[in-house]
C-alpha atoms as a PDB file:
ATOM      1  CA  MET A   1     -30.913  38.666  51.772  1.00  0.00           C
ATOM      2  CA  ARG A   2     -30.490  39.149  47.968  1.00  0.00           C
ATOM      3  CA  LEU A   3     -28.152  42.085  48.822  1.00  0.00           C
ATOM      4  CA  GLN A   4     -26.701  39.541  50.909  1.00  0.00           C
ATOM      5  CA  LYS A   5     -25.919  36.543  48.697  1.00  0.00           C
ATOM      6  CA  LEU A   6     -24.649  39.355  46.116  1.00  0.00           C
ATOM      7  CA  THR A   7     -22.321  40.401  48.551  1.00  0.00           C
ATOM      8  CA  ALA A   8     -20.821  37.001  49.528  1.00  0.00           C
ATOM      9  CA  ALA A   9     -20.325  36.545  45.876  1.00  0.00           C
ATOM     10  CA  PHE A  10     -18.115  39.581  45.402  1.00  0.00           C
ATOM     11  CA  MET A  11     -16.312  38.555  48.212  1.00  0.00           C
ATOM     12  CA  THR A  12     -15.728  34.930  47.086  1.00  0.00           C
ATOM     13  CA  ALA A  13     -14.790  36.739  43.911  1.00  0.00           C
ATOM     14  CA  VAL A  14     -12.111  38.786  45.607  1.00  0.00           C
ATOM     15  CA  LEU A  15     -10.789  35.916  47.346  1.00  0.00           C
ATOM     16  CA  VAL A  16     -10.260  34.066  44.382  1.00  0.00           C
ATOM     17  CA  THR A  17      -8.448  35.831  42.515  1.00  0.00           C
ATOM     18  CA  SER A  18      -6.310  37.517  45.138  1.00  0.00           C
ATOM     19  CA  THR A  19      -5.062  33.645  46.092  1.00  0.00           C
ATOM     20  CA  PRO A  20      -2.313  32.372  44.177  1.00  0.00           C
ATOM     21  CA  VAL A  21      -4.404  29.847  42.403  1.00  0.00           C
ATOM     22  CA  GLY A  22      -6.103  32.597  41.255  1.00  0.00           C
ATOM     23  CA  ALA A  23      -4.124  35.082  39.917  1.00  0.00           C
ATOM     24  CA  TYR A  24      -2.793  32.135  37.686  1.00  0.00           C
ATOM     25  CA  LEU A  25      -5.891  31.412  36.736  1.00  0.00           C
ATOM     26  CA  GLY A  26      -6.592  35.135  35.569  1.00  0.00           C
ATOM     27  CA  GLN A  27      -3.427  34.943  33.749  1.00  0.00           C
ATOM     28  CA  ILE A  28      -4.334  32.528  31.649  1.00  0.00           C
ATOM     29  CA  SER A  29      -7.402  33.806  30.640  1.00  0.00           C
ATOM     30  CA  ALA A  30      -5.548  37.239  29.538  1.00  0.00           C
ATOM     31  CA  TYR A  31      -2.970  35.444  27.692  1.00  0.00           C
ATOM     32  CA  ALA A  32      -5.906  33.156  26.126  1.00  0.00           C
ATOM     33  CA  LYS A  33      -7.729  36.598  25.075  1.00  0.00           C
ATOM     34  CA  GLU A  34      -4.224  37.984  23.898  1.00  0.00           C
ATOM     35  CA  ASP A  35      -3.825  34.808  22.223  1.00  0.00           C
ATOM     36  CA  GLU A  36      -7.076  34.878  20.290  1.00  0.00           C
ATOM     37  CA  GLU A  37      -6.377  38.799  19.454  1.00  0.00           C
ATOM     38  CA  ASP A  38      -2.916  38.019  17.782  1.00  0.00           C
ATOM     39  CA  LYS A  39      -4.630  35.160  15.641  1.00  0.00           C
ATOM     40  CA  ASP A  40      -4.283  36.537  11.980  1.00  0.00           C
ATOM     41  CA  TYR A  41      -5.837  34.291   8.994  1.00  0.00           C
ATOM     42  CA  SER A  42      -5.309  36.692   6.438  1.00  0.00           C
ATOM     43  CA  ILE A  43      -3.771  35.427   2.949  1.00  0.00           C
ATOM     44  CA  SER A  44      -3.491  37.755  -0.183  1.00  0.00           C
ATOM     45  CA  ASP A  45      -1.494  37.554  -3.600  1.00  0.00           C
ATOM     46  CA  ALA A  46      -2.709  34.700  -5.085  1.00  0.00           C
ATOM     47  CA  ALA A  47      -1.059  33.777  -8.117  1.00  0.00           C
ATOM     48  CA  TRP A  48      -0.810  31.202 -10.714  1.00  0.00           C
ATOM     49  CA  GLU A  49       3.169  29.020 -11.007  1.00  0.00           C
ATOM     50  CA  GLU A  50       3.634  27.007 -13.381  1.00  0.00           C
ATOM     51  CA  GLU A  51       6.813  24.330 -13.300  1.00  0.00           C
ATOM     52  CA  THR A  52       7.878  21.855 -15.977  1.00  0.00           C
ATOM     53  CA  ASP A  53       8.860  18.410 -14.827  1.00  0.00           C
ATOM     54  CA  ALA A  54      11.161  15.794 -15.804  1.00  0.00           C
ATOM     55  CA  ASN A  55       9.216  14.866 -18.321  1.00  0.00           C
ATOM     56  CA  GLY A  56       8.780  18.188 -20.047  1.00  0.00           C
ATOM     57  CA  LYS A  57       5.164  17.996 -18.949  1.00  0.00           C
ATOM     58  CA  THR A  58       3.696  20.992 -17.356  1.00  0.00           C
ATOM     59  CA  ARG A  59       2.106  21.064 -13.430  1.00  0.00           C
ATOM     60  CA  VAL A  60      -0.011  24.408 -12.743  1.00  0.00           C
ATOM     61  CA  TYR A  61       0.164  25.654  -8.842  1.00  0.00           C
ATOM     62  CA  ALA A  62      -2.094  27.773  -6.531  1.00  0.00           C
ATOM     63  CA  THR A  63       0.253  29.866  -4.729  1.00  0.00           C
ATOM     64  CA  TRP A  64      -0.355  32.688  -2.278  1.00  0.00           C
ATOM     65  CA  SER A  65       1.183  34.828   0.696  1.00  0.00           C
ATOM     66  CA  GLU A  66       0.969  32.098   3.380  1.00  0.00           C
ATOM     67  CA  ALA A  67      -1.381  33.125   6.536  1.00  0.00           C
ATOM     68  CA  ASP A  68       0.204  33.584  10.304  1.00  0.00           C
ATOM     69  CA  THR A  69      -2.490  31.355  11.836  1.00  0.00           C
ATOM     70  CA  SER A  70      -3.728  27.857   9.902  1.00  0.00           C
ATOM     71  CA  SER A  71      -6.549  27.086   8.947  1.00  0.00           C
ATOM     72  CA  THR A  72      -8.571  25.206   6.472  1.00  0.00           C
ATOM     73  CA  GLY A  73      -8.734  27.429   3.082  1.00  0.00           C
ATOM     74  CA  THR A  74     -11.137  26.475   0.222  1.00  0.00           C
ATOM     75  CA  ILE A  75      -9.875  27.211  -3.337  1.00  0.00           C
ATOM     76  CA  SER A  76     -12.444  27.564  -5.949  1.00  0.00           C
ATOM     77  CA  ILE A  77     -11.814  27.344  -9.806  1.00  0.00           C
ATOM     78  CA  SER A  78     -13.221  29.702 -12.475  1.00  0.00           C
ATOM     79  CA  VAL A  79     -13.194  29.625 -16.044  1.00  0.00           C
ATOM     80  CA  ASP A  80     -14.353  32.427 -18.273  1.00  0.00           C
ATOM     81  CA  GLY A  81     -15.757  33.938 -15.127  1.00  0.00           C
ATOM     82  CA  LYS A  82     -18.170  30.764 -14.394  1.00  0.00           C
ATOM     83  CA  LYS A  83     -17.282  28.604 -11.366  1.00  0.00           C
ATOM     84  CA  GLN A  84     -16.190  25.178 -12.206  1.00  0.00           C
ATOM     85  CA  SER A  85     -17.472  22.369  -9.799  1.00  0.00           C
ATOM     86  CA  VAL A  86     -14.784  19.565  -9.482  1.00  0.00           C
ATOM     87  CA  GLY A  87     -15.044  18.390  -5.663  1.00  0.00           C
ATOM     88  CA  SER A  88     -13.891  19.851  -2.611  1.00  0.00           C
ATOM     89  CA  ILE A  89     -10.134  21.868  -3.154  1.00  0.00           C
ATOM     90  CA  THR A  90      -8.699  22.323   0.176  1.00  0.00           C
ATOM     91  CA  ALA A  91      -5.302  23.405   1.571  1.00  0.00           C
ATOM     92  CA  SER A  92      -4.012  24.563   4.856  1.00  0.00           C
ATOM     93  CA  THR A  93      -3.614  28.850   4.931  1.00  0.00           C
ATOM     94  CA  THR A  94       0.029  28.792   5.970  1.00  0.00           C
ATOM     95  CA  SER A  95       1.037  26.185   3.265  1.00  0.00           C
ATOM     96  CA  GLY A  96       0.804  29.109   0.183  1.00  0.00           C
ATOM     97  CA  ARG A  97       0.791  26.253  -2.221  1.00  0.00           C
ATOM     98  CA  LYS A  98      -1.780  23.864  -3.879  1.00  0.00           C
ATOM     99  CA  ASP A  99      -1.352  21.716  -6.817  1.00  0.00           C
ATOM    100  CA  LEU A 100      -4.180  22.332  -8.943  1.00  0.00           C
ATOM    101  CA  THR A 101      -2.765  20.387 -11.911  1.00  0.00           C
ATOM    102  CA  SER A 102      -5.005  17.648 -11.878  1.00  0.00           C
ATOM    103  CA  TYR A 103      -8.615  19.721 -11.300  1.00  0.00           C
ATOM    104  CA  ILE A 104      -7.573  21.812 -14.556  1.00  0.00           C
ATOM    105  CA  LYS A 105      -7.363  18.285 -16.639  1.00  0.00           C
ATOM    106  CA  LYS A 106     -10.281  17.106 -15.170  1.00  0.00           C
ATOM    107  CA  ILE A 107     -12.285  20.773 -16.245  1.00  0.00           C
ATOM    108  CA  GLY A 108     -10.831  20.054 -19.657  1.00  0.00           C
ATOM    109  CA  LYS A 109     -11.711  23.081 -20.951  1.00  0.00           C
ATOM    110  CA  LYS A 110     -10.095  26.092 -23.126  1.00  0.00           C
ATOM    111  CA  GLY A 111     -10.476  29.745 -21.606  1.00  0.00           C
ATOM    112  CA  THR A 112      -9.210  32.299 -18.925  1.00  0.00           C
ATOM    113  CA  TYR A 113      -8.659  30.567 -15.757  1.00  0.00           C
ATOM    114  CA  THR A 114      -8.500  32.140 -12.492  1.00  0.00           C
ATOM    115  CA  PHE A 115      -9.125  30.894  -8.928  1.00  0.00           C
ATOM    116  CA  LYS A 116     -10.100  32.014  -5.311  1.00  0.00           C
ATOM    117  CA  ILE A 117      -8.747  31.331  -2.097  1.00  0.00           C
ATOM    118  CA  THR A 118     -10.701  31.844   1.271  1.00  0.00           C
ATOM    119  CA  ALA A 119      -9.669  31.165   4.618  1.00  0.00           C
ATOM    120  CA  GLY A 120     -11.587  28.935   6.554  1.00  0.00           C
ATOM    121  CA  LYS A 121     -11.891  31.496   9.454  1.00  0.00           C
ATOM    122  CA  LYS A 122     -12.119  35.042  10.644  1.00  0.00           C
ATOM    123  CA  ASN A 123     -10.051  37.593  11.994  1.00  0.00           C
ATOM    124  CA  LYS A 124     -11.617  39.044  15.102  1.00  0.00           C
ATOM    125  CA  GLY A 125     -13.371  42.114  14.381  1.00  0.00           C
ATOM    126  CA  ASP A 126     -13.782  41.540  10.327  1.00  0.00           C
ATOM    127  CA  ASP A 127     -17.324  41.340   8.986  1.00  0.00           C
ATOM    128  CA  GLU A 128     -15.669  38.881   6.176  1.00  0.00           C
ATOM    129  CA  LYS A 129     -13.358  36.041   5.877  1.00  0.00           C
ATOM    130  CA  SER A 130      -9.978  36.721   3.700  1.00  0.00           C
ATOM    131  CA  TYR A 131     -10.016  35.747   0.553  1.00  0.00           C
ATOM    132  CA  SER A 132      -7.480  36.145  -2.300  1.00  0.00           C
ATOM    133  CA  GLU A 133      -8.329  35.993  -6.254  1.00  0.00           C
ATOM    134  CA  SER A 134      -5.796  35.044  -8.903  1.00  0.00           C
ATOM    135  CA  ASP A 135      -4.344  36.753 -11.844  1.00  0.00           C
ATOM    136  CA  ASP A 136      -5.306  35.107 -15.079  1.00  0.00           C
ATOM    137  CA  LEU A 137      -4.093  31.827 -16.922  1.00  0.00           C
ATOM    138  CA  GLU A 138      -4.864  31.463 -20.317  1.00  0.00           C
ATOM    139  CA  ILE A 139      -5.263  27.570 -21.170  1.00  0.00           C
ATOM    140  CA  ASP A 140      -5.877  26.007 -24.849  1.00  0.00           C
ATOM    141  CA  SER A 141      -6.035  22.874 -26.540  1.00  0.00           C
ATOM    142  CA  ASP A 142      -2.248  22.451 -26.523  1.00  0.00           C
ATOM    143  CA  TYR A 143      -1.807  23.585 -22.890  1.00  0.00           C
ATOM    144  CA  LEU A 144      -4.664  20.769 -21.497  1.00  0.00           C
ATOM    145  CA  LYS A 145      -2.330  17.912 -23.851  1.00  0.00           C
ATOM    146  CA  ASN A 146       0.873  19.132 -22.162  1.00  0.00           C
ATOM    147  CA  LEU A 147      -0.280  19.018 -18.313  1.00  0.00           C
ATOM    148  CA  ALA A 148       1.500  16.316 -16.294  1.00  0.00           C
ATOM    149  CA  THR A 149      -0.411  13.476 -14.714  1.00  0.00           C
ATOM    150  CA  GLY A 150      -0.565  12.142 -11.201  1.00  0.00           C
ATOM    151  CA  SER A 151      -0.243  13.426  -8.079  1.00  0.00           C
ATOM    152  CA  SER A 152       2.790  16.098  -7.225  1.00  0.00           C
ATOM    153  CA  SER A 153       5.557  14.880  -4.440  1.00  0.00           C
ATOM    154  CA  SER A 154       4.756  18.250  -2.965  1.00  0.00           C
ATOM    155  CA  SER A 155       1.955  20.590  -3.161  1.00  0.00           C
ATOM    156  CA  SER A 156       3.705  23.065  -0.316  1.00  0.00           C
ATOM    157  CA  SER A 157       5.914  25.730  -0.760  1.00  0.00           C
ATOM    158  CA  SER A 158       8.540  23.080   1.515  1.00  0.00           C
ATOM    159  CA  SER A 159       9.196  20.293  -0.912  1.00  0.00           C
ATOM    160  CA  SER A 160       7.873  16.788   0.989  1.00  0.00           C
ATOM    161  CA  SER A 161       8.864  13.825  -1.096  1.00  0.00           C
ATOM    162  CA  SER A 162       6.051  11.048  -1.652  1.00  0.00           C
ATOM    163  CA  SER A 163       7.031   7.622  -3.042  1.00  0.00           C
ATOM    164  CA  SER A 164       5.554   6.733  -6.748  1.00  0.00           C
ATOM    165  CA  LYS A 165       4.633   3.595  -5.175  1.00  0.00           C
ATOM    166  CA  GLY A 166       1.973   5.148  -2.954  1.00  0.00           C
ATOM    167  CA  PRO A 167       2.352   6.806   0.484  1.00  0.00           C
ATOM    168  CA  GLY A 168       3.769   5.105   3.362  1.00  0.00           C
ATOM    169  CA  ALA A 169       4.413   2.142   0.585  1.00  0.00           C
ATOM    170  CA  VAL A 170       8.047   0.041   1.121  1.00  0.00           C
ATOM    171  CA  THR A 171       7.583  -2.840  -1.782  1.00  0.00           C
ATOM    172  CA  PRO A 172       7.104  -2.791  -5.484  1.00  0.00           C
ATOM    173  CA  VAL A 173       3.621  -3.654  -6.781  1.00  0.00           C
ATOM    174  CA  PRO A 174       4.127  -6.977  -8.814  1.00  0.00           C
ATOM    175  CA  SER A 175       3.444  -6.956 -12.141  1.00  0.00           C
ATOM    176  CA  GLU A 176       1.171  -9.143 -12.324  1.00  0.00           C
ATOM    177  CA  THR A 177      -0.973  -7.163  -9.544  1.00  0.00           C
ATOM    178  CA  ALA A 178      -0.617  -3.706 -11.626  1.00  0.00           C
ATOM    179  CA  ALA A 179      -2.671  -0.739 -10.664  1.00  0.00           C
ATOM    180  CA  ALA A 180      -5.512  -0.119 -12.876  1.00  0.00           C
ATOM    181  CA  SER A 181      -5.173   3.053 -14.633  1.00  0.00           C
ATOM    182  CA  PRO A 182      -7.768   6.064 -14.121  1.00  0.00           C
ATOM    183  CA  ALA A 183      -9.381   5.594 -17.149  1.00  0.00           C
ATOM    184  CA  ASN A 184     -10.478   1.580 -16.465  1.00  0.00           C
ATOM    185  CA  ALA A 185     -11.304   1.908 -12.397  1.00  0.00           C
ATOM    186  CA  ALA A 186     -14.329   2.913 -11.018  1.00  0.00           C
ATOM    187  CA  THR A 187     -14.750   6.894 -10.422  1.00  0.00           C
ATOM    188  CA  PRO A 188     -14.999   7.062  -6.291  1.00  0.00           C
ATOM    189  CA  GLY A 189     -18.868   7.520  -5.217  1.00  0.00           C
ATOM    190  CA  GLN A 190     -19.821   4.633  -7.945  1.00  0.00           C
ATOM    191  CA  THR A 191     -19.893   1.727  -7.568  1.00  0.00           C
ATOM    192  CA  ALA A 192     -17.253  -0.560  -9.857  1.00  0.00           C
ATOM    193  CA  THR A 193     -18.349  -3.501 -12.504  1.00  0.00           C
ATOM    194  CA  ALA A 194     -17.194  -6.735 -11.734  1.00  0.00           C
ATOM    195  CA  GLU A 195     -14.271  -6.143 -14.797  1.00  0.00           C
ATOM    196  CA  GLN A 196     -13.543  -2.801 -13.028  1.00  0.00           C
ATOM    197  CA  THR A 197     -12.916  -4.853  -9.665  1.00  0.00           C
ATOM    198  CA  GLN A 198     -11.215  -7.439 -11.089  1.00  0.00           C
ATOM    199  CA  ALA A 199      -8.702  -5.091 -12.693  1.00  0.00           C
ATOM    200  CA  GLN A 200      -8.452  -3.098  -9.239  1.00  0.00           C
ATOM    201  CA  VAL A 201      -5.898  -5.500  -7.482  1.00  0.00           C
ATOM    202  CA  PRO A 202      -7.523  -7.955  -4.970  1.00  0.00           C
ATOM    203  CA  LYS A 203      -5.493  -6.693  -2.229  1.00  0.00           C
ATOM    204  CA  THR A 204      -4.428  -3.794  -0.012  1.00  0.00           C
ATOM    205  CA  LEU A 205      -2.493  -0.980  -1.486  1.00  0.00           C
ATOM    206  CA  TRP A 206      -2.360   2.277  -2.851  1.00  0.00           C
ATOM    207  CA  GLN A 207      -3.294   3.541  -6.236  1.00  0.00           C
ATOM    208  CA  ASP A 208      -2.654   6.991  -8.094  1.00  0.00           C
ATOM    209  CA  TRP A 209      -5.379   7.645 -10.188  1.00  0.00           C
ATOM    210  CA  GLY A 210      -4.392  11.331 -11.398  1.00  0.00           C
ATOM    211  CA  TYR A 211      -6.417  13.376  -9.265  1.00  0.00           C
ATOM    212  CA  GLY A 212      -4.967  11.869  -6.041  1.00  0.00           C
ATOM    213  CA  TRP A 213      -3.904   8.690  -4.132  1.00  0.00           C
ATOM    214  CA  VAL A 214      -6.826   6.086  -3.682  1.00  0.00           C
ATOM    215  CA  TYR A 215      -6.219   3.092  -1.142  1.00  0.00           C
ATOM    216  CA  PHE A 216      -7.352  -0.308  -1.379  1.00  0.00           C
ATOM    217  CA  GLU A 217      -7.973  -3.103   1.671  1.00  0.00           C
ATOM    218  CA  ASP A 218      -8.596  -6.557   0.236  1.00  0.00           C
ATOM    219  CA  GLY A 219      -9.557  -4.874  -3.054  1.00  0.00           C
ATOM    220  CA  GLN A 220     -12.028  -2.938  -1.456  1.00  0.00           C
ATOM    221  CA  LEU A 221     -11.968   1.158  -2.189  1.00  0.00           C
ATOM    222  CA  VAL A 222     -11.468   2.562   1.321  1.00  0.00           C
ATOM    223  CA  LYS A 223     -13.453   5.946   2.403  1.00  0.00           C
ATOM    224  CA  ASP A 224     -13.932   7.916   4.956  1.00  0.00           C
ATOM    225  CA  LYS A 225     -11.082   6.642   7.208  1.00  0.00           C
ATOM    226  CA  TRP A 226      -7.849   6.690   8.569  1.00  0.00           C
ATOM    227  CA  VAL A 227      -5.400   4.046   7.381  1.00  0.00           C
ATOM    228  CA  VAL A 228      -2.315   2.632   8.396  1.00  0.00           C
ATOM    229  CA  SER A 229       0.970   2.759   6.299  1.00  0.00           C
ATOM    230  CA  ASN A 230       4.407   2.244   7.056  1.00  0.00           C
ATOM    231  CA  GLY A 231       3.770   3.445  10.718  1.00  0.00           C
ATOM    232  CA  LYS A 232       2.317   6.248   9.339  1.00  0.00           C
ATOM    233  CA  TYR A 233      -1.503   7.488   9.620  1.00  0.00           C
ATOM    234  CA  TYR A 234      -3.221   8.741   6.042  1.00  0.00           C
ATOM    235  CA  HIS A 235      -6.757   9.914   5.959  1.00  0.00           C
ATOM    236  CA  ILE A 236      -8.866   8.862   3.251  1.00  0.00           C
ATOM    237  CA  ASN A 237     -12.071  11.215   2.455  1.00  0.00           C
ATOM    238  CA  ALA A 238     -15.553  10.411   1.798  1.00  0.00           C
ATOM    239  CA  THR A 239     -14.924  10.501  -2.033  1.00  0.00           C
ATOM    240  CA  GLY A 240     -12.034   7.882  -1.749  1.00  0.00           C
ATOM    241  CA  PHE A 241      -9.148  10.614  -1.977  1.00  0.00           C
ATOM    242  CA  MET A 242      -6.355  10.784   0.470  1.00  0.00           C
ATOM    243  CA  ASP A 243      -6.296  14.137   2.209  1.00  0.00           C
ATOM    244  CA  ALA A 244      -3.200  15.825   1.908  1.00  0.00           C
ATOM    245  CA  ASN A 245      -1.775  19.140   3.414  1.00  0.00           C
ATOM    246  CA  THR A 246      -5.099  20.264   4.937  1.00  0.00           C
ATOM    247  CA  ILE A 247      -6.760  19.961   8.185  1.00  0.00           C
ATOM    248  CA  VAL A 248      -8.678  16.901   8.787  1.00  0.00           C
ATOM    249  CA  THR A 249     -11.993  16.579  11.089  1.00  0.00           C
ATOM    250  CA  ASP A 250     -14.070  13.333  12.111  1.00  0.00           C
ATOM    251  CA  SER A 251     -16.722  12.894  14.741  1.00  0.00           C
ATOM    252  CA  MET A 252     -14.073  10.037  16.108  1.00  0.00           C
ATOM    253  CA  TYR A 253     -10.952  11.531  16.488  1.00  0.00           C
ATOM    254  CA  GLY A 254     -11.182  14.960  16.209  1.00  0.00           C
ATOM    255  CA  THR A 255      -9.218  17.404  14.235  1.00  0.00           C
ATOM    256  CA  HIS A 256      -6.096  16.978  12.664  1.00  0.00           C
ATOM    257  CA  TYR A 257      -3.308  18.110  10.300  1.00  0.00           C
ATOM    258  CA  VAL A 258      -2.099  16.362   7.838  1.00  0.00           C
ATOM    259  CA  GLY A 259       0.754  17.033   5.036  1.00  0.00           C
ATOM    260  CA  ALA A 260       1.375  17.564   1.993  1.00  0.00           C
ATOM    261  CA  ASP A 261       2.452  13.672   1.486  1.00  0.00           C
ATOM    262  CA  GLY A 262      -0.957  13.105   3.390  1.00  0.00           C
ATOM    263  CA  ALA A 263       0.677  11.795   6.638  1.00  0.00           C
ATOM    264  CA  LEU A 264      -0.493  12.633  10.074  1.00  0.00           C
ATOM    265  CA  VAL A 265       1.450  15.609  11.373  1.00  0.00           C
ATOM    266  CA  TYR A 266      -0.460  16.511  14.773  1.00  0.00           C
END
């Protein structure tokens, strides 16, 4: 009886694969396997890149050779060989560039800076994820003083513009409701005082906090949420900052990619 069942199962498999539908499914399976083998998450040639803006200030970028297949890369910064805690720094491995100016300002230390970027996925057959470590960048007190403030208009190799009024903004902020400076604003993750809340404009708008863009709805700092601004979708992460040039995954809407200006790409 068992032999009969095995024979019947084998014959069914032969019949299925011999039909047009079975052949089509077989082609899809073969293509998917081949496609998986073709994926290459490798990154290399990590290096620092410096630019001088219109105000004569220095902006510092992490650069690397772009991967063939996109994944979420993780960047860590070290000073004199010691890894620094500056929160999560992510970037699509196919972007090839990430603005690290605000993170260096946050660290605020003199010394020899290096960074390491690690791909989010392994190549098939590899034991570890691809990564690349940068050359040295010597930073002294004068260098720190001359660093640019605010977010770069583009942190990828392809230039993407971002309005100085905030992502998706179409109207200027009235002077009587000017955005609070980072020094007067509450740090994401902390509760704002009454004075800080008053300073943070009781309306819906974007603010540039130096480390990135934040978004307020009715005076409340938005966290871990998709927002719509000027017809485009933007994701605010759990720390209160807008995600940019990275892959975003949440339990409700799944996985999506946002561009250098923070707007949803796909």
